[in-house]
Amino acid sequence: MNTTYNQILNLSHTQLATFEYIFIDECHTFTSDLSFRSETIANLIFHLIEFVVQCPDAKTKIVFMSGTPNVETL
């Protein structure tokens, strides 16, 4: 299933637990473009942390991905 950050927020913890993996792509925007979607990103992170805390037996793996290099560290 492909979805957006907002759509993940509409999934219950029970629904999230049915996934083997949750891939969060373009996660470089979490730090480099906070002004664009800061509230959505904060809500997404909080929702995922809540899921991990409230469903400790869930086998779901959350993977944050980015193919965009950080030019400040190069």
C-alpha atoms as a PDB file:
ATOM      1  CA  MET A   1       0.000   0.000   0.000  1.00  0.00           C
ATOM      2  CA  ASN A   2       1.322   3.454  -0.879  1.00  0.00           C
ATOM      3  CA  THR A   3       0.106   6.346   1.190  1.00  0.00           C
ATOM      4  CA  THR A   4       0.891   9.864   2.316  1.00  0.00           C
ATOM      5  CA  TYR A   5       1.949  11.142   5.732  1.00  0.00           C
ATOM      6  CA  ASN A   6      -1.599  12.390   6.329  1.00  0.00           C
ATOM      7  CA  GLN A   7      -3.134   9.042   5.421  1.00  0.00           C
ATOM      8  CA  ILE A   8      -0.913   7.215   7.919  1.00  0.00           C
ATOM      9  CA  LEU A   9      -2.364   9.450  10.608  1.00  0.00           C
ATOM     10  CA  ASN A  10      -5.810   8.053   9.744  1.00  0.00           C
ATOM     11  CA  LEU A  11      -4.709   4.460  10.351  1.00  0.00           C
ATOM     12  CA  SER A  12      -5.321   3.049  13.804  1.00  0.00           C
ATOM     13  CA  HIS A  13      -2.553   1.342  15.732  1.00  0.00           C
ATOM     14  CA  THR A  14      -4.329  -1.954  15.095  1.00  0.00           C
ATOM     15  CA  GLN A  15      -4.197  -1.282  11.353  1.00  0.00           C
ATOM     16  CA  LEU A  16      -0.529  -0.261  11.510  1.00  0.00           C
ATOM     17  CA  ALA A  17       0.249  -3.535  13.280  1.00  0.00           C
ATOM     18  CA  THR A  18      -0.974  -5.499  10.232  1.00  0.00           C
ATOM     19  CA  PHE A  19       1.954  -4.221   8.170  1.00  0.00           C
ATOM     20  CA  GLU A  20       5.300  -5.988   8.143  1.00  0.00           C
ATOM     21  CA  TYR A  21       7.100  -2.786   7.136  1.00  0.00           C
ATOM     22  CA  ILE A  22       6.250   0.895   7.033  1.00  0.00           C
ATOM     23  CA  PHE A  23       8.641   2.835   4.806  1.00  0.00           C
ATOM     24  CA  ILE A  24       8.770   6.592   5.311  1.00  0.00           C
ATOM     25  CA  ASP A  25      10.457   8.031   2.232  1.00  0.00           C
ATOM     26  CA  GLU A  26      11.867  11.525   1.769  1.00  0.00           C
ATOM     27  CA  CYS A  27      12.585  11.748   5.498  1.00  0.00           C
ATOM     28  CA  HIS A  28      15.261  14.377   4.806  1.00  0.00           C
ATOM     29  CA  THR A  29      12.341  16.812   4.650  1.00  0.00           C
ATOM     30  CA  PHE A  30      11.871  16.264   8.391  1.00  0.00           C
ATOM     31  CA  THR A  31      14.888  18.459   9.070  1.00  0.00           C
ATOM     32  CA  SER A  32      15.466  20.424   5.891  1.00  0.00           C
ATOM     33  CA  ASP A  33      11.955  21.586   5.068  1.00  0.00           C
ATOM     34  CA  LEU A  34      10.119  21.822   8.377  1.00  0.00           C
ATOM     35  CA  SER A  35       8.378  25.057   7.440  1.00  0.00           C
ATOM     36  CA  PHE A  36       6.490  23.273   4.660  1.00  0.00           C
ATOM     37  CA  ARG A  37       4.737  20.541   6.673  1.00  0.00           C
ATOM     38  CA  SER A  38       5.899  20.948  10.254  1.00  0.00           C
ATOM     39  CA  GLU A  39       2.552  20.132  11.857  1.00  0.00           C
ATOM     40  CA  THR A  40       1.978  17.048   9.702  1.00  0.00           C
ATOM     41  CA  ILE A  41       5.514  15.767  10.298  1.00  0.00           C
ATOM     42  CA  ALA A  42       5.232  16.339  14.064  1.00  0.00           C
ATOM     43  CA  ASN A  43       1.888  14.498  14.113  1.00  0.00           C
ATOM     44  CA  LEU A  44       3.325  11.628  12.060  1.00  0.00           C
ATOM     45  CA  ILE A  45       6.304  11.164  14.376  1.00  0.00           C
ATOM     46  CA  PHE A  46       4.054  11.348  17.455  1.00  0.00           C
ATOM     47  CA  HIS A  47       1.612   8.820  15.917  1.00  0.00           C
ATOM     48  CA  LEU A  48       4.426   6.363  15.147  1.00  0.00           C
ATOM     49  CA  ILE A  49       5.953   6.754  18.621  1.00  0.00           C
ATOM     50  CA  GLU A  50       2.514   6.166  20.169  1.00  0.00           C
ATOM     51  CA  PHE A  51       2.126   3.059  18.008  1.00  0.00           C
ATOM     52  CA  VAL A  52       5.478   1.625  19.133  1.00  0.00           C
ATOM     53  CA  VAL A  53       4.707   2.344  22.801  1.00  0.00           C
ATOM     54  CA  GLN A  54       1.112   1.093  22.761  1.00  0.00           C
ATOM     55  CA  CYS A  55       1.757  -1.971  20.586  1.00  0.00           C
ATOM     56  CA  PRO A  56       5.095  -3.329  21.855  1.00  0.00           C
ATOM     57  CA  ASP A  57       4.337  -6.825  20.533  1.00  0.00           C
ATOM     58  CA  ALA A  58       3.717  -5.613  16.964  1.00  0.00           C
ATOM     59  CA  LYS A  59       6.198  -7.020  14.460  1.00  0.00           C
ATOM     60  CA  THR A  60       5.947  -3.915  12.259  1.00  0.00           C
ATOM     61  CA  LYS A  61       9.282  -2.388  11.307  1.00  0.00           C
ATOM     62  CA  ILE A  62       9.432   1.342  10.570  1.00  0.00           C
ATOM     63  CA  VAL A  63      12.107   2.353   8.063  1.00  0.00           C
ATOM     64  CA  PHE A  64      12.993   5.998   7.405  1.00  0.00           C
ATOM     65  CA  MET A  65      14.576   6.492   3.976  1.00  0.00           C
ATOM     66  CA  SER A  66      16.186   9.259   1.989  1.00  0.00           C
ATOM     67  CA  GLY A  67      18.236   9.186  -1.165  1.00  0.00           C
ATOM     68  CA  THR A  68      19.017  12.885  -0.894  1.00  0.00           C
ATOM     69  CA  PRO A  69      22.539  13.576   0.342  1.00  0.00           C
ATOM     70  CA  ASN A  70      23.095  16.180   3.029  1.00  0.00           C
ATOM     71  CA  VAL A  71      25.434  18.619   1.265  1.00  0.00           C
ATOM     72  CA  GLU A  72      26.260  20.352   4.558  1.00  0.00           C
ATOM     73  CA  THR A  73      28.207  17.289   5.738  1.00  0.00           C
ATOM     74  CA  LEU A  74      30.060  16.671   2.453  1.00  0.00           C
END
